[in-house]
Amino acid sequence: MNRARREPEIGKGAVAGLIGGLAGSWAMNRFQAVLTKFSDAKDGSQQGQQAKQGRGQQGQADQGDGGDADATLMLANKIAKTVLHRKLNQQEEQIAGPVVHYGFGGTVGALYGAITEAVPAAHRGIGLPFGTTVWAVADEAAVPLLKLSKSPREYPVSSHASALAAHLVYGLTTEVVRRTIRRIA
C-alpha cells in the first residue's frame, strides 16, 4: 500500500516528542532502578556498587571530595551557584535533580519530535539510534566535558553498557510515545 506522506507539523512533532521524552525519562529511571536492584541481588554489593558508580544523566559522578553525587544534582548545583549564588540545600536537591533529568529528557525528546517531522527517516529504528546518540553525546561526551563525571576511560565497560541500555530504553519509549501521539493528533 502506498501511503501519502503527510505535511510536516513541527509544533505537533515537538509536543509529541516532549511528552515522549518525559515518558522516556521516567522509563529510563525505572529501568535503572531495576538494574541496580538486580545487580545488588545477583552479586552482593560489588556489581551493585559499580552500577551506582555509573556516569551520566542518572549515574554517579566524582565530586573530588571522596563522595559521589548524581550528575543531575551536580548540574543543578552549578546552575544554582550561577543563578542563586549558592549551593542547593538537601530539600531543594530532591526537587532539582528530577527537574534537571526530566527537563533534559523532555527537551531532547521535543527536538527529536521536531526533527522527525522534517526528516521522517530520523525515527527509523524505533528510537534506538536516537537513544544511542543521546548516550554518546550526553553521557560519553558532554557530562565529562562539563566536569560532571570523570573521563569515560575511568569507568568499567559495565558502566558504559548499563548507561547505554538505559538510554536505549529512553529512546525506544520516547519514539513509541511520540509515534502514538502523532497518530492521534
Protein backbone atom coordinates (compact mmCIF):
# COMPACT_ATOMS: atom_id res chain seq x y z
CA MET A 1 0.00 0.00 0.00
CA ASN A 2 1.32 3.43 -0.92
CA ARG A 3 0.58 5.91 1.86
CA ALA A 4 0.66 9.60 1.02
CA ARG A 5 3.24 11.46 3.03
CA ARG A 6 1.60 13.98 5.33
CA GLU A 7 2.89 17.51 5.61
CA PRO A 8 5.34 18.01 8.48
CA GLU A 9 3.88 19.71 11.54
CA ILE A 10 6.93 20.74 13.54
CA GLY A 11 4.97 22.06 16.52
CA LYS A 12 2.90 18.91 16.89
CA GLY A 13 6.04 16.84 16.47
CA ALA A 14 7.83 18.81 19.17
CA VAL A 15 4.93 18.44 21.62
CA ALA A 16 4.68 14.71 20.89
CA GLY A 17 8.45 14.42 21.34
CA LEU A 18 8.32 16.37 24.60
CA ILE A 19 5.70 14.02 26.01
CA GLY A 20 7.65 11.05 24.67
CA GLY A 21 10.88 12.38 26.19
CA LEU A 22 9.24 12.77 29.59
CA ALA A 23 7.86 9.23 29.38
CA GLY A 24 11.26 8.03 28.20
CA SER A 25 12.97 9.71 31.15
CA TRP A 26 10.55 8.01 33.53
CA ALA A 27 11.08 4.61 31.86
CA MET A 28 14.85 5.15 32.00
CA ASN A 29 14.65 5.80 35.75
CA ARG A 30 12.56 2.68 36.31
CA PHE A 31 14.95 0.59 34.19
CA GLN A 32 17.96 1.84 36.15
CA ALA A 33 16.24 1.14 39.47
CA VAL A 34 15.50 -2.44 38.38
CA LEU A 35 19.03 -2.85 37.01
CA THR A 36 20.56 -1.63 40.28
CA LYS A 37 18.28 -3.85 42.36
CA PHE A 38 19.07 -6.84 40.14
CA SER A 39 22.81 -6.13 40.30
CA ASP A 40 22.69 -5.81 44.09
CA ALA A 41 20.77 -9.06 44.48
CA LYS A 42 22.82 -11.01 41.94
CA ASP A 43 26.33 -10.16 43.06
CA GLY A 44 26.01 -8.92 46.59
CA SER A 45 27.07 -5.33 46.69
CA GLN A 46 30.07 -5.39 44.30
CA GLN A 47 28.26 -5.12 40.95
CA GLY A 48 25.51 -3.04 42.53
CA GLN A 49 28.14 -0.54 43.61
CA GLN A 50 29.52 -0.49 40.05
CA ALA A 51 26.03 0.25 38.73
CA LYS A 52 25.64 3.05 41.27
CA GLN A 53 29.03 4.43 40.27
CA GLY A 54 27.99 4.79 36.63
CA ARG A 55 28.03 8.15 34.97
CA GLY A 56 25.81 10.45 33.02
CA GLN A 57 22.30 11.69 33.44
CA GLN A 58 21.41 9.28 36.21
CA GLY A 59 24.81 7.88 37.06
CA GLN A 60 27.18 8.95 39.76
CA ALA A 61 29.93 11.48 39.21
CA ASP A 62 33.06 12.05 41.25
CA GLN A 63 32.86 15.20 43.33
CA GLY A 64 36.51 15.25 44.19
CA ASP A 65 35.80 15.07 47.92
CA GLY A 66 35.69 11.30 48.11
CA GLY A 67 31.91 11.20 47.71
CA ASP A 68 29.79 10.57 44.69
CA ALA A 69 26.92 12.74 43.52
CA ASP A 70 24.36 12.29 40.79
CA ALA A 71 25.38 14.23 37.66
CA THR A 72 21.95 15.84 37.52
CA LEU A 73 22.40 17.14 41.08
CA MET A 74 25.83 18.43 40.23
CA LEU A 75 24.39 20.27 37.23
CA ALA A 76 21.51 21.61 39.33
CA ASN A 77 24.02 22.91 41.86
CA LYS A 78 26.13 24.53 39.13
CA ILE A 79 23.01 26.28 37.85
CA ALA A 80 22.05 27.33 41.40
CA LYS A 81 25.52 28.75 42.03
CA THR A 82 25.25 30.79 38.83
CA VAL A 83 21.67 31.96 39.34
CA LEU A 84 21.22 31.97 43.14
CA HIS A 85 24.89 32.37 44.09
CA ARG A 86 24.65 29.44 46.47
CA LYS A 87 24.53 25.66 46.64
CA LEU A 88 21.13 23.98 46.93
CA ASN A 89 20.09 22.53 50.28
CA GLN A 90 19.07 18.89 50.57
CA GLN A 91 15.35 19.59 50.18
CA GLU A 92 15.98 21.72 47.07
CA GLU A 93 18.23 19.00 45.62
CA GLN A 94 15.40 16.46 45.95
CA ILE A 95 13.37 18.66 43.63
CA ALA A 96 16.14 19.99 41.37
CA GLY A 97 17.66 16.61 40.44
CA PRO A 98 14.47 15.26 38.87
CA VAL A 99 13.70 18.67 37.31
CA VAL A 100 17.07 18.63 35.52
CA HIS A 101 16.65 14.99 34.47
CA TYR A 102 13.10 15.39 33.15
CA GLY A 103 13.87 18.82 31.73
CA PHE A 104 16.75 17.41 29.72
CA GLY A 105 14.82 14.31 28.64
CA GLY A 106 11.77 16.34 27.64
CA THR A 107 13.80 18.95 25.77
CA VAL A 108 15.80 16.37 23.84
CA GLY A 109 12.58 14.50 23.12
CA ALA A 110 10.98 17.71 21.79
CA LEU A 111 13.96 18.30 19.49
CA TYR A 112 13.73 14.70 18.31
CA GLY A 113 9.99 15.05 17.67
CA ALA A 114 10.52 18.23 15.64
CA ILE A 115 13.36 16.66 13.64
CA THR A 116 11.30 13.56 12.82
CA GLU A 117 8.66 15.83 11.30
CA ALA A 118 11.20 17.48 9.00
CA VAL A 119 13.26 14.32 8.36
CA PRO A 120 10.98 11.28 8.67
CA ALA A 121 13.91 8.85 8.36
CA ALA A 122 15.09 10.12 11.78
CA HIS A 123 12.59 7.87 13.55
CA ARG A 124 13.77 4.67 11.90
CA GLY A 125 14.99 2.03 14.30
CA ILE A 126 12.13 2.64 16.77
CA GLY A 127 14.14 5.18 18.73
CA LEU A 128 17.20 3.01 19.32
CA PRO A 129 19.57 5.12 17.15
CA PHE A 130 18.16 8.20 18.94
CA GLY A 131 18.82 6.69 22.38
CA THR A 132 22.32 5.68 21.30
CA THR A 133 23.02 9.21 20.07
CA VAL A 134 21.80 10.76 23.34
CA TRP A 135 24.03 8.34 25.28
CA ALA A 136 27.09 9.10 23.13
CA VAL A 137 26.66 12.86 23.06
CA ALA A 138 25.34 13.48 26.59
CA ASP A 139 26.80 10.67 28.72
CA GLU A 140 30.02 9.94 26.94
CA ALA A 141 30.96 13.47 25.82
CA ALA A 142 29.06 16.36 27.42
CA VAL A 143 28.87 15.09 31.02
CA PRO A 144 32.66 14.56 31.28
CA LEU A 145 33.38 17.83 29.42
CA LEU A 146 31.19 19.69 31.91
CA LYS A 147 33.16 18.03 34.72
CA LEU A 148 30.04 16.24 35.96
CA SER A 149 31.91 12.94 35.83
CA LYS A 150 35.37 11.52 35.42
CA SER A 151 36.73 10.64 31.99
CA PRO A 152 34.86 7.78 30.27
CA ARG A 153 38.13 5.79 30.34
CA GLU A 154 37.96 5.74 34.15
CA TYR A 155 34.77 3.66 34.25
CA PRO A 156 34.40 -0.08 33.69
CA VAL A 157 32.78 -1.33 30.49
CA SER A 158 29.82 -2.50 32.58
CA SER A 159 29.05 1.14 33.49
CA HIS A 160 29.05 2.14 29.83
CA ALA A 161 26.89 -0.87 28.93
CA SER A 162 24.27 -0.14 31.60
CA ALA A 163 24.19 3.55 30.68
CA LEU A 164 23.76 2.63 27.01
CA ALA A 165 20.99 0.16 27.87
CA ALA A 166 19.19 2.84 29.92
CA HIS A 167 19.42 5.28 27.02
CA LEU A 168 18.08 2.62 24.64
CA VAL A 169 15.06 2.31 26.94
CA TYR A 170 14.76 6.12 26.85
CA GLY A 171 14.96 6.24 23.04
CA LEU A 172 12.54 3.36 22.49
CA THR A 173 9.98 4.76 24.92
CA THR A 174 10.32 8.28 23.52
CA GLU A 175 9.70 7.01 19.98
CA VAL A 176 6.78 4.74 20.87
CA VAL A 177 5.02 7.53 22.78
CA ARG A 178 5.86 10.17 20.12
CA ARG A 179 4.60 7.92 17.32
CA THR A 180 1.40 7.08 19.20
CA ILE A 181 0.62 10.74 19.87
CA ARG A 182 1.32 11.72 16.26
CA ARG A 183 -1.05 9.03 15.01
CA ILE A 184 -3.78 10.52 17.19
CA ALA A 185 -3.01 14.22 16.67
